[in-house]
PDB file of N, CA and C in Angstrom:
ATOM      1  N   MET A   1      19.226   0.135  72.811  1.00  0.00           N
ATOM      2  CA  MET A   1      20.465   0.290  71.859  1.00  0.00           C
ATOM      3  C   MET A   1      21.037  -0.884  71.758  1.00  0.00           C
ATOM      4  N   LYS A   2      21.493  -1.577  70.505  1.00  0.00           N
ATOM      5  CA  LYS A   2      22.238  -2.981  70.389  1.00  0.00           C
ATOM      6  C   LYS A   2      23.565  -2.772  70.538  1.00  0.00           C
ATOM      7  N   SER A   3      24.154  -4.022  70.605  1.00  0.00           N
ATOM      8  CA  SER A   3      25.580  -3.977  70.669  1.00  0.00           C
ATOM      9  C   SER A   3      25.829  -4.652  69.196  1.00  0.00           C
ATOM     10  N   LEU A   4      27.171  -4.317  69.081  1.00  0.00           N
ATOM     11  CA  LEU A   4      27.446  -4.575  67.740  1.00  0.00           C
ATOM     12  C   LEU A   4      27.427  -6.333  67.449  1.00  0.00           C
ATOM     13  N   LYS A   5      27.552  -6.955  68.534  1.00  0.00           N
ATOM     14  CA  LYS A   5      27.278  -8.297  68.335  1.00  0.00           C
ATOM     15  C   LYS A   5      25.983  -8.638  68.052  1.00  0.00           C
ATOM     16  N   GLN A   6      24.877  -8.122  68.785  1.00  0.00           N
ATOM     17  CA  GLN A   6      23.552  -8.412  68.343  1.00  0.00           C
ATOM     18  C   GLN A   6      23.317  -7.687  66.912  1.00  0.00           C
ATOM     19  N   ALA A   7      23.802  -6.493  66.576  1.00  0.00           N
ATOM     20  CA  ALA A   7      23.259  -6.124  65.173  1.00  0.00           C
ATOM     21  C   ALA A   7      23.971  -7.105  64.223  1.00  0.00           C
ATOM     22  N   SER A   8      25.080  -7.663  64.405  1.00  0.00           N
ATOM     23  CA  SER A   8      25.850  -8.456  63.671  1.00  0.00           C
ATOM     24  C   SER A   8      25.100  -9.755  63.044  1.00  0.00           C
ATOM     25  N   GLN A   9      24.596 -10.488  64.352  1.00  0.00           N
ATOM     26  CA  GLN A   9      23.836 -11.543  64.235  1.00  0.00           C
ATOM     27  C   GLN A   9      22.515 -11.407  63.585  1.00  0.00           C
ATOM     28  N   GLU A  10      21.970 -10.217  63.369  1.00  0.00           N
ATOM     29  CA  GLU A  10      20.416  -9.835  62.924  1.00  0.00           C
ATOM     30  C   GLU A  10      20.815  -9.408  61.424  1.00  0.00           C
ATOM     31  N   VAL A  11      22.183  -9.540  61.137  1.00  0.00           N
ATOM     32  CA  VAL A  11      22.381  -8.945  59.577  1.00  0.00           C
ATOM     33  C   VAL A  11      21.658  -9.873  58.597  1.00  0.00           C
ATOM     34  N   LYS A  12      21.025  -9.465  57.539  1.00  0.00           N
ATOM     35  CA  LYS A  12      20.443 -10.453  56.346  1.00  0.00           C
ATOM     36  C   LYS A  12      21.383  -9.971  55.334  1.00  0.00           C
ATOM     37  N   PRO A  13      21.602 -10.876  54.408  1.00  0.00           N
ATOM     38  CA  PRO A  13      22.322 -10.784  53.117  1.00  0.00           C
ATOM     39  C   PRO A  13      21.543  -9.759  52.242  1.00  0.00           C
ATOM     40  N   ASN A  14      22.199  -8.788  51.652  1.00  0.00           N
ATOM     41  CA  ASN A  14      21.633  -8.033  50.681  1.00  0.00           C
ATOM     42  C   ASN A  14      21.163  -8.817  49.346  1.00  0.00           C
ATOM     43  N   THR A  15      20.235  -8.897  49.187  1.00  0.00           N
ATOM     44  CA  THR A  15      19.684  -9.809  48.003  1.00  0.00           C
ATOM     45  C   THR A  15      19.605  -8.837  46.436  1.00  0.00           C
ATOM     46  N   ASN A  16      19.964  -7.807  46.784  1.00  0.00           N
ATOM     47  CA  ASN A  16      19.954  -6.670  45.540  1.00  0.00           C
ATOM     48  C   ASN A  16      21.206  -6.882  44.917  1.00  0.00           C
ATOM     49  N   VAL A  17      22.400  -7.593  45.750  1.00  0.00           N
ATOM     50  CA  VAL A  17      23.660  -7.566  45.049  1.00  0.00           C
ATOM     51  C   VAL A  17      23.481  -8.336  43.933  1.00  0.00           C
ATOM     52  N   THR A  18      24.214  -7.972  42.753  1.00  0.00           N
ATOM     53  CA  THR A  18      24.060  -8.819  41.736  1.00  0.00           C
ATOM     54  C   THR A  18      25.524  -9.116  41.241  1.00  0.00           C
ATOM     55  N   ASN A  19      25.602 -10.171  40.244  1.00  0.00           N
ATOM     56  CA  ASN A  19      26.663 -10.451  39.534  1.00  0.00           C
ATOM     57  C   ASN A  19      26.413  -9.559  38.354  1.00  0.00           C
ATOM     58  N   VAL A  20      27.483  -9.850  37.206  1.00  0.00           N
ATOM     59  CA  VAL A  20      27.509  -9.210  36.124  1.00  0.00           C
ATOM     60  C   VAL A  20      27.425  -9.950  34.885  1.00  0.00           C
ATOM     61  N   ILE A  21      26.566  -9.751  33.745  1.00  0.00           N
ATOM     62  CA  ILE A  21      26.392 -10.429  32.760  1.00  0.00           C
ATOM     63  C   ILE A  21      27.693 -11.221  32.343  1.00  0.00           C
ATOM     64  N   SER A  22      28.942 -10.547  32.403  1.00  0.00           N
ATOM     65  CA  SER A  22      30.150 -11.034  31.874  1.00  0.00           C
ATOM     66  C   SER A  22      30.571 -12.387  32.785  1.00  0.00           C
ATOM     67  N   ASP A  23      29.798 -12.617  33.801  1.00  0.00           N
ATOM     68  CA  ASP A  23      30.198 -13.690  34.697  1.00  0.00           C
ATOM     69  C   ASP A  23      29.653 -15.086  33.969  1.00  0.00           C
ATOM     70  N   LEU A  24      28.611 -14.839  33.097  1.00  0.00           N
ATOM     71  CA  LEU A  24      28.229 -15.898  32.502  1.00  0.00           C
ATOM     72  C   LEU A  24      28.977 -16.436  31.034  1.00  0.00           C
ATOM     73  N   ASP A  25      28.989 -17.649  30.941  1.00  0.00           N
ATOM     74  CA  ASP A  25      29.734 -18.193  29.845  1.00  0.00           C
ATOM     75  C   ASP A  25      28.875 -17.993  28.408  1.00  0.00           C
ATOM     76  N   LYS A  26      27.593 -18.152  28.617  1.00  0.00           N
ATOM     77  CA  LYS A  26      26.744 -17.900  27.403  1.00  0.00           C
ATOM     78  C   LYS A  26      25.496 -17.383  27.487  1.00  0.00           C
ATOM     79  N   VAL A  27      24.840 -16.338  26.919  1.00  0.00           N
ATOM     80  CA  VAL A  27      23.900 -15.546  27.192  1.00  0.00           C
ATOM     81  C   VAL A  27      22.913 -15.695  25.955  1.00  0.00           C
ATOM     82  N   ASP A  28      21.487 -16.014  26.082  1.00  0.00           N
ATOM     83  CA  ASP A  28      20.334 -15.981  25.292  1.00  0.00           C
ATOM     84  C   ASP A  28      19.865 -14.543  25.252  1.00  0.00           C
ATOM     85  N   VAL A  29      20.062 -14.016  23.913  1.00  0.00           N
ATOM     86  CA  VAL A  29      19.644 -12.712  23.777  1.00  0.00           C
ATOM     87  C   VAL A  29      17.981 -12.518  24.060  1.00  0.00           C
ATOM     88  N   ASN A  30      17.388 -13.413  23.966  1.00  0.00           N
ATOM     89  CA  ASN A  30      16.011 -13.460  24.299  1.00  0.00           C
ATOM     90  C   ASN A  30      15.353 -13.680  25.622  1.00  0.00           C
ATOM     91  N   MET A  31      16.290 -13.473  26.597  1.00  0.00           N
ATOM     92  CA  MET A  31      16.027 -13.747  28.085  1.00  0.00           C
ATOM     93  C   MET A  31      15.320 -12.452  28.479  1.00  0.00           C
ATOM     94  N   GLU A  32      14.599 -12.673  29.538  1.00  0.00           N
ATOM     95  CA  GLU A  32      13.546 -11.430  30.001  1.00  0.00           C
ATOM     96  C   GLU A  32      14.633 -10.514  30.873  1.00  0.00           C
ATOM     97  N   LEU A  33      14.368  -9.137  30.675  1.00  0.00           N
ATOM     98  CA  LEU A  33      15.290  -8.158  31.283  1.00  0.00           C
ATOM     99  C   LEU A  33      14.488  -7.589  32.359  1.00  0.00           C
ATOM    100  N   HIS A  34      14.729  -7.182  33.477  1.00  0.00           N
ATOM    101  CA  HIS A  34      14.138  -6.678  34.581  1.00  0.00           C
ATOM    102  C   HIS A  34      14.962  -5.442  34.895  1.00  0.00           C
ATOM    103  N   THR A  35      14.069  -4.594  35.606  1.00  0.00           N
ATOM    104  CA  THR A  35      14.802  -3.257  36.075  1.00  0.00           C
ATOM    105  C   THR A  35      14.719  -3.056  37.640  1.00  0.00           C
ATOM    106  N   PHE A  36      15.778  -2.786  38.152  1.00  0.00           N
ATOM    107  CA  PHE A  36      15.765  -2.644  39.694  1.00  0.00           C
ATOM    108  C   PHE A  36      15.804  -1.305  39.936  1.00  0.00           C
ATOM    109  N   GLU A  37      15.218  -0.699  40.862  1.00  0.00           N
ATOM    110  CA  GLU A  37      15.174   0.898  41.267  1.00  0.00           C
ATOM    111  C   GLU A  37      15.151   0.890  42.979  1.00  0.00           C
ATOM    112  N   GLY A  38      16.459   1.897  43.115  1.00  0.00           N
ATOM    113  CA  GLY A  38      16.512   1.928  44.467  1.00  0.00           C
ATOM    114  C   GLY A  38      16.969   3.274  44.910  1.00  0.00           C
ATOM    115  N   VAL A  39      17.503   3.511  46.030  1.00  0.00           N
ATOM    116  CA  VAL A  39      17.819   4.744  46.639  1.00  0.00           C
ATOM    117  C   VAL A  39      19.423   4.679  47.233  1.00  0.00           C
ATOM    118  N   THR A  40      20.366   5.518  47.181  1.00  0.00           N
ATOM    119  CA  THR A  40      21.352   5.305  47.820  1.00  0.00           C
ATOM    120  C   THR A  40      21.365   6.073  49.189  1.00  0.00           C
ATOM    121  N   SER A  41      22.547   5.577  49.946  1.00  0.00           N
ATOM    122  CA  SER A  41      22.553   5.953  51.328  1.00  0.00           C
ATOM    123  C   SER A  41      22.397   7.549  51.380  1.00  0.00           C
ATOM    124  N   GLU A  42      22.694   8.226  50.193  1.00  0.00           N
ATOM    125  CA  GLU A  42      22.830   9.675  50.270  1.00  0.00           C
ATOM    126  C   GLU A  42      21.395  10.159  49.726  1.00  0.00           C
ATOM    127  N   GLY A  43      20.761   9.243  49.461  1.00  0.00           N
ATOM    128  CA  GLY A  43      19.235   9.616  49.245  1.00  0.00           C
ATOM    129  C   GLY A  43      18.755   9.650  47.528  1.00  0.00           C
ATOM    130  N   LYS A  44      19.711   9.454  46.931  1.00  0.00           N
ATOM    131  CA  LYS A  44      19.728   9.659  45.405  1.00  0.00           C
ATOM    132  C   LYS A  44      19.077   8.291  44.754  1.00  0.00           C
ATOM    133  N   ASP A  45      18.141   8.410  43.793  1.00  0.00           N
ATOM    134  CA  ASP A  45      17.612   7.432  43.014  1.00  0.00           C
ATOM    135  C   ASP A  45      18.614   6.748  41.986  1.00  0.00           C
ATOM    136  N   PHE A  46      18.605   5.464  41.918  1.00  0.00           N
ATOM    137  CA  PHE A  46      19.488   4.747  40.736  1.00  0.00           C
ATOM    138  C   PHE A  46      18.643   3.631  40.354  1.00  0.00           C
ATOM    139  N   SER A  47      19.015   3.130  39.124  1.00  0.00           N
ATOM    140  CA  SER A  47      18.376   1.925  38.667  1.00  0.00           C
ATOM    141  C   SER A  47      19.336   1.239  37.720  1.00  0.00           C
ATOM    142  N   TYR A  48      19.035  -0.062  37.507  1.00  0.00           N
ATOM    143  CA  TYR A  48      19.963  -0.929  36.632  1.00  0.00           C
ATOM    144  C   TYR A  48      19.231  -2.085  36.218  1.00  0.00           C
ATOM    145  N   ASP A  49      19.568  -2.508  35.215  1.00  0.00           N
ATOM    146  CA  ASP A  49      19.011  -3.564  34.137  1.00  0.00           C
ATOM    147  C   ASP A  49      19.574  -4.887  34.831  1.00  0.00           C
ATOM    148  N   TYR A  50      18.689  -6.006  34.863  1.00  0.00           N
ATOM    149  CA  TYR A  50      19.380  -7.318  35.306  1.00  0.00           C
ATOM    150  C   TYR A  50      18.697  -8.485  34.558  1.00  0.00           C
ATOM    151  N   MET A  51      19.087  -9.476  34.634  1.00  0.00           N
ATOM    152  CA  MET A  51      18.298 -10.730  34.219  1.00  0.00           C
ATOM    153  C   MET A  51      18.625 -11.929  35.229  1.00  0.00           C
ATOM    154  N   GLU A  52      17.732 -12.846  35.371  1.00  0.00           N
ATOM    155  CA  GLU A  52      17.745 -13.869  36.304  1.00  0.00           C
ATOM    156  C   GLU A  52      18.248 -15.385  35.591  1.00  0.00           C
ATOM    157  N   VAL A  53      19.378 -15.773  36.209  1.00  0.00           N
ATOM    158  CA  VAL A  53      19.732 -16.974  35.635  1.00  0.00           C
ATOM    159  C   VAL A  53      19.883 -17.982  36.651  1.00  0.00           C
ATOM    160  N   ASN A  54      19.104 -19.294  36.955  1.00  0.00           N
ATOM    161  CA  ASN A  54      19.298 -19.926  37.949  1.00  0.00           C
ATOM    162  C   ASN A  54      19.196 -19.320  39.511  1.00  0.00           C
ATOM    163  N   GLU A  55      18.238 -18.515  39.403  1.00  0.00           N
ATOM    164  CA  GLU A  55      17.862 -17.641  40.682  1.00  0.00           C
ATOM    165  C   GLU A  55      18.762 -16.595  41.218  1.00  0.00           C
ATOM    166  N   GLN A  56      19.771 -16.537  40.297  1.00  0.00           N
ATOM    167  CA  GLN A  56      20.786 -15.241  40.582  1.00  0.00           C
ATOM    168  C   GLN A  56      20.563 -14.125  39.641  1.00  0.00           C
ATOM    169  N   LYS A  57      20.910 -12.998  40.123  1.00  0.00           N
ATOM    170  CA  LYS A  57      20.826 -11.834  39.336  1.00  0.00           C
ATOM    171  C   LYS A  57      21.986 -11.429  38.620  1.00  0.00           C
ATOM    172  N   TYR A  58      21.854 -11.053  37.290  1.00  0.00           N
ATOM    173  CA  TYR A  58      23.135 -10.625  36.501  1.00  0.00           C
ATOM    174  C   TYR A  58      22.811  -9.059  35.823  1.00  0.00           C
ATOM    175  N   ARG A  59      23.852  -8.115  36.456  1.00  0.00           N
ATOM    176  CA  ARG A  59      23.353  -6.997  35.952  1.00  0.00           C
ATOM    177  C   ARG A  59      23.841  -6.791  34.403  1.00  0.00           C
ATOM    178  N   VAL A  60      23.272  -6.066  33.683  1.00  0.00           N
ATOM    179  CA  VAL A  60      23.392  -5.795  32.235  1.00  0.00           C
ATOM    180  C   VAL A  60      23.554  -4.096  31.830  1.00  0.00           C
ATOM    181  N   PRO A  61      24.780  -4.079  32.041  1.00  0.00           N
ATOM    182  CA  PRO A  61      25.161  -2.282  31.723  1.00  0.00           C
ATOM    183  C   PRO A  61      24.487  -2.033  30.384  1.00  0.00           C
ATOM    184  N   LYS A  62      24.107  -0.716  30.317  1.00  0.00           N
ATOM    185  CA  LYS A  62      23.854   0.041  29.145  1.00  0.00           C
ATOM    186  C   LYS A  62      24.653  -0.213  27.971  1.00  0.00           C
ATOM    187  N   MET A  63      26.037  -0.179  28.257  1.00  0.00           N
ATOM    188  CA  MET A  63      27.001  -0.317  27.102  1.00  0.00           C
ATOM    189  C   MET A  63      27.095  -1.495  26.645  1.00  0.00           C
ATOM    190  N   VAL A  64      26.607  -2.635  27.369  1.00  0.00           N
ATOM    191  CA  VAL A  64      26.439  -4.005  26.813  1.00  0.00           C
ATOM    192  C   VAL A  64      25.317  -4.085  26.059  1.00  0.00           C
ATOM    193  N   GLN A  65      24.180  -3.542  26.292  1.00  0.00           N
ATOM    194  CA  GLN A  65      23.076  -3.372  25.818  1.00  0.00           C
ATOM    195  C   GLN A  65      23.089  -2.806  24.142  1.00  0.00           C
ATOM    196  N   GLN A  66      23.767  -1.686  24.089  1.00  0.00           N
ATOM    197  CA  GLN A  66      24.059  -1.050  23.068  1.00  0.00           C
ATOM    198  C   GLN A  66      24.982  -1.879  22.015  1.00  0.00           C
ATOM    199  N   GLN A  67      25.853  -2.522  22.269  1.00  0.00           N
ATOM    200  CA  GLN A  67      26.769  -3.700  21.651  1.00  0.00           C
ATOM    201  C   GLN A  67      25.782  -4.491  21.158  1.00  0.00           C
ATOM    202  N   ILE A  68      24.809  -5.172  21.955  1.00  0.00           N
ATOM    203  CA  ILE A  68      23.922  -6.212  21.529  1.00  0.00           C
ATOM    204  C   ILE A  68      23.210  -5.673  20.382  1.00  0.00           C
ATOM    205  N   LYS A  69      22.694  -4.369  20.407  1.00  0.00           N
ATOM    206  CA  LYS A  69      21.753  -3.690  19.525  1.00  0.00           C
ATOM    207  C   LYS A  69      22.655  -3.671  18.204  1.00  0.00           C
ATOM    208  N   ASP A  70      23.785  -3.142  18.281  1.00  0.00           N
ATOM    209  CA  ASP A  70      24.664  -3.193  17.020  1.00  0.00           C
ATOM    210  C   ASP A  70      24.816  -4.406  16.465  1.00  0.00           C
ATOM    211  N   LEU A  71      25.157  -5.407  17.212  1.00  0.00           N
ATOM    212  CA  LEU A  71      25.345  -6.824  16.632  1.00  0.00           C
ATOM    213  C   LEU A  71      23.850  -7.271  15.863  1.00  0.00           C
ATOM    214  N   LEU A  72      22.650  -7.122  16.658  1.00  0.00           N
ATOM    215  CA  LEU A  72      21.546  -7.381  16.057  1.00  0.00           C
ATOM    216  C   LEU A  72      21.247  -6.436  14.654  1.00  0.00           C
ATOM    217  N   ASP A  73      21.765  -5.350  14.531  1.00  0.00           N
ATOM    218  CA  ASP A  73      21.570  -4.818  13.194  1.00  0.00           C
ATOM    219  C   ASP A  73      22.083  -5.396  12.109  1.00  0.00           C
ATOM    220  N   GLU A  74      23.436  -5.867  12.439  1.00  0.00           N
ATOM    221  CA  GLU A  74      24.154  -6.705  11.403  1.00  0.00           C
ATOM    222  C   GLU A  74      23.702  -8.219  11.370  1.00  0.00           C
ATOM    223  N   LYS A  75      23.097  -8.696  12.354  1.00  0.00           N
ATOM    224  CA  LYS A  75      22.685 -10.231  12.308  1.00  0.00           C
ATOM    225  C   LYS A  75      21.525 -10.295  13.184  1.00  0.00           C
ATOM    226  N   PRO A  76      20.391 -10.136  12.402  1.00  0.00           N
ATOM    227  CA  PRO A  76      19.006 -10.189  13.181  1.00  0.00           C
ATOM    228  C   PRO A  76      18.862 -11.467  13.902  1.00  0.00           C
ATOM    229  N   ASP A  77      19.103 -12.561  13.340  1.00  0.00           N
ATOM    230  CA  ASP A  77      18.865 -13.869  13.879  1.00  0.00           C
ATOM    231  C   ASP A  77      19.819 -14.311  15.116  1.00  0.00           C
ATOM    232  N   LEU A  78      20.496 -13.323  15.430  1.00  0.00           N
ATOM    233  CA  LEU A  78      21.591 -13.680  16.529  1.00  0.00           C
ATOM    234  C   LEU A  78      20.787 -14.016  17.833  1.00  0.00           C
ATOM    235  N   GLN A  79      21.294 -15.271  18.465  1.00  0.00           N
ATOM    236  CA  GLN A  79      20.787 -15.853  19.637  1.00  0.00           C
ATOM    237  C   GLN A  79      21.325 -15.781  20.803  1.00  0.00           C
ATOM    238  N   PHE A  80      22.849 -16.024  20.567  1.00  0.00           N
ATOM    239  CA  PHE A  80      23.515 -16.244  21.986  1.00  0.00           C
ATOM    240  C   PHE A  80      24.765 -15.164  21.748  1.00  0.00           C
ATOM    241  N   ILE A  81      25.403 -14.767  22.876  1.00  0.00           N
ATOM    242  CA  ILE A  81      26.270 -13.861  23.011  1.00  0.00           C
ATOM    243  C   ILE A  81      27.207 -14.299  24.085  1.00  0.00           C
ATOM    244  N   LYS A  82      28.313 -13.757  24.174  1.00  0.00           N
ATOM    245  CA  LYS A  82      29.261 -13.825  25.394  1.00  0.00           C
ATOM    246  C   LYS A  82      29.845 -12.457  25.522  1.00  0.00           C
ATOM    247  N   VAL A  83      30.080 -12.144  26.754  1.00  0.00           N
ATOM    248  CA  VAL A  83      30.252 -10.930  27.097  1.00  0.00           C
ATOM    249  C   VAL A  83      31.699 -10.868  27.983  1.00  0.00           C
ATOM    250  N   LYS A  84      32.630 -10.154  27.634  1.00  0.00           N
ATOM    251  CA  LYS A  84      34.092 -10.472  27.998  1.00  0.00           C
ATOM    252  C   LYS A  84      33.944  -8.767  28.929  1.00  0.00           C
ATOM    253  N   LYS A  85      34.708  -8.934  29.974  1.00  0.00           N
ATOM    254  CA  LYS A  85      34.860  -7.581  30.916  1.00  0.00           C
ATOM    255  C   LYS A  85      36.427  -7.387  30.969  1.00  0.00           C
ATOM    256  N   SER A  86      36.836  -6.118  31.052  1.00  0.00           N
ATOM    257  CA  SER A  86      38.109  -5.754  31.435  1.00  0.00           C
ATOM    258  C   SER A  86      38.237  -4.407  32.272  1.00  0.00           C
ATOM    259  N   GLY A  87      39.172  -4.344  32.986  1.00  0.00           N
ATOM    260  CA  GLY A  87      39.289  -3.302  34.078  1.00  0.00           C
ATOM    261  C   GLY A  87      38.318  -2.978  35.104  1.00  0.00           C
ATOM    262  N   GLU A  88      38.283  -2.100  36.095  1.00  0.00           N
ATOM    263  CA  GLU A  88      37.412  -2.043  37.138  1.00  0.00           C
ATOM    264  C   GLU A  88      37.001  -0.675  37.345  1.00  0.00           C
ATOM    265  N   GLY A  89      35.876  -0.726  38.173  1.00  0.00           N
ATOM    266  CA  GLY A  89      35.369   0.757  38.404  1.00  0.00           C
ATOM    267  C   GLY A  89      34.838   1.488  37.335  1.00  0.00           C
ATOM    268  N   ILE A  90      35.317   2.822  37.270  1.00  0.00           N
ATOM    269  CA  ILE A  90      35.118   3.653  36.143  1.00  0.00           C
ATOM    270  C   ILE A  90      35.848   3.296  34.870  1.00  0.00           C
ATOM    271  N   ASN A  91      36.679   2.377  34.990  1.00  0.00           N
ATOM    272  CA  ASN A  91      37.341   1.847  33.782  1.00  0.00           C
ATOM    273  C   ASN A  91      36.872   0.735  33.373  1.00  0.00           C
ATOM    274  N   THR A  92      35.763   0.223  33.628  1.00  0.00           N
ATOM    275  CA  THR A  92      35.466  -1.108  33.277  1.00  0.00           C
ATOM    276  C   THR A  92      34.970  -0.970  31.854  1.00  0.00           C
ATOM    277  N   ARG A  93      35.351  -1.965  31.062  1.00  0.00           N
ATOM    278  CA  ARG A  93      34.966  -2.059  29.473  1.00  0.00           C
ATOM    279  C   ARG A  93      34.331  -3.231  29.344  1.00  0.00           C
ATOM    280  N   TYR A  94      33.247  -3.516  28.367  1.00  0.00           N
ATOM    281  CA  TYR A  94      32.673  -4.778  27.910  1.00  0.00           C
ATOM    282  C   TYR A  94      33.076  -4.812  26.547  1.00  0.00           C
ATOM    283  N   MET A  95      33.000  -6.360  26.183  1.00  0.00           N
ATOM    284  CA  MET A  95      33.123  -6.518  24.761  1.00  0.00           C
ATOM    285  C   MET A  95      32.022  -7.640  24.363  1.00  0.00           C
ATOM    286  N   VAL A  96      31.247  -7.512  23.628  1.00  0.00           N
ATOM    287  CA  VAL A  96      29.908  -8.465  23.222  1.00  0.00           C
ATOM    288  C   VAL A  96      30.417  -9.353  22.140  1.00  0.00           C
ATOM    289  N   LEU A  97      30.656 -10.590  22.342  1.00  0.00           N
ATOM    290  CA  LEU A  97      30.935 -11.468  21.034  1.00  0.00           C
ATOM    291  C   LEU A  97      29.654 -12.041  20.689  1.00  0.00           C
ATOM    292  N   SER A  98      29.294 -12.429  19.372  1.00  0.00           N
ATOM    293  CA  SER A  98      28.503 -13.381  18.876  1.00  0.00           C
ATOM    294  C   SER A  98      28.655 -14.781  19.113  1.00  0.00           C
ATOM    295  N   LEU A  99      27.893 -15.648  19.333  1.00  0.00           N
ATOM    296  CA  LEU A  99      28.327 -17.045  19.303  1.00  0.00           C
ATOM    297  C   LEU A  99      27.476 -17.819  18.415  1.00  0.00           C
TER     298      LEU A  99
END
């Protein structure tokens, strides 16, 4: 059995923790999107989409993807966007702006 001290010294950072797309100043809509799939501590499957910028992962919520789709319907040559975030947790809202 390990002590708390030993276990703490062996902890490795969770590399699946991501930032959110709204943390970026400017996003190219042509960037590659990846999907992370995992299992919660309760054994439930989950997944989320993310993109990598400067070796950092940025989660891209479905709500944001839908807004980008709507913008592309109006402006097919759209290349850059900015995402603004408000609220927290279940009350998080995103607004996608074309640049």
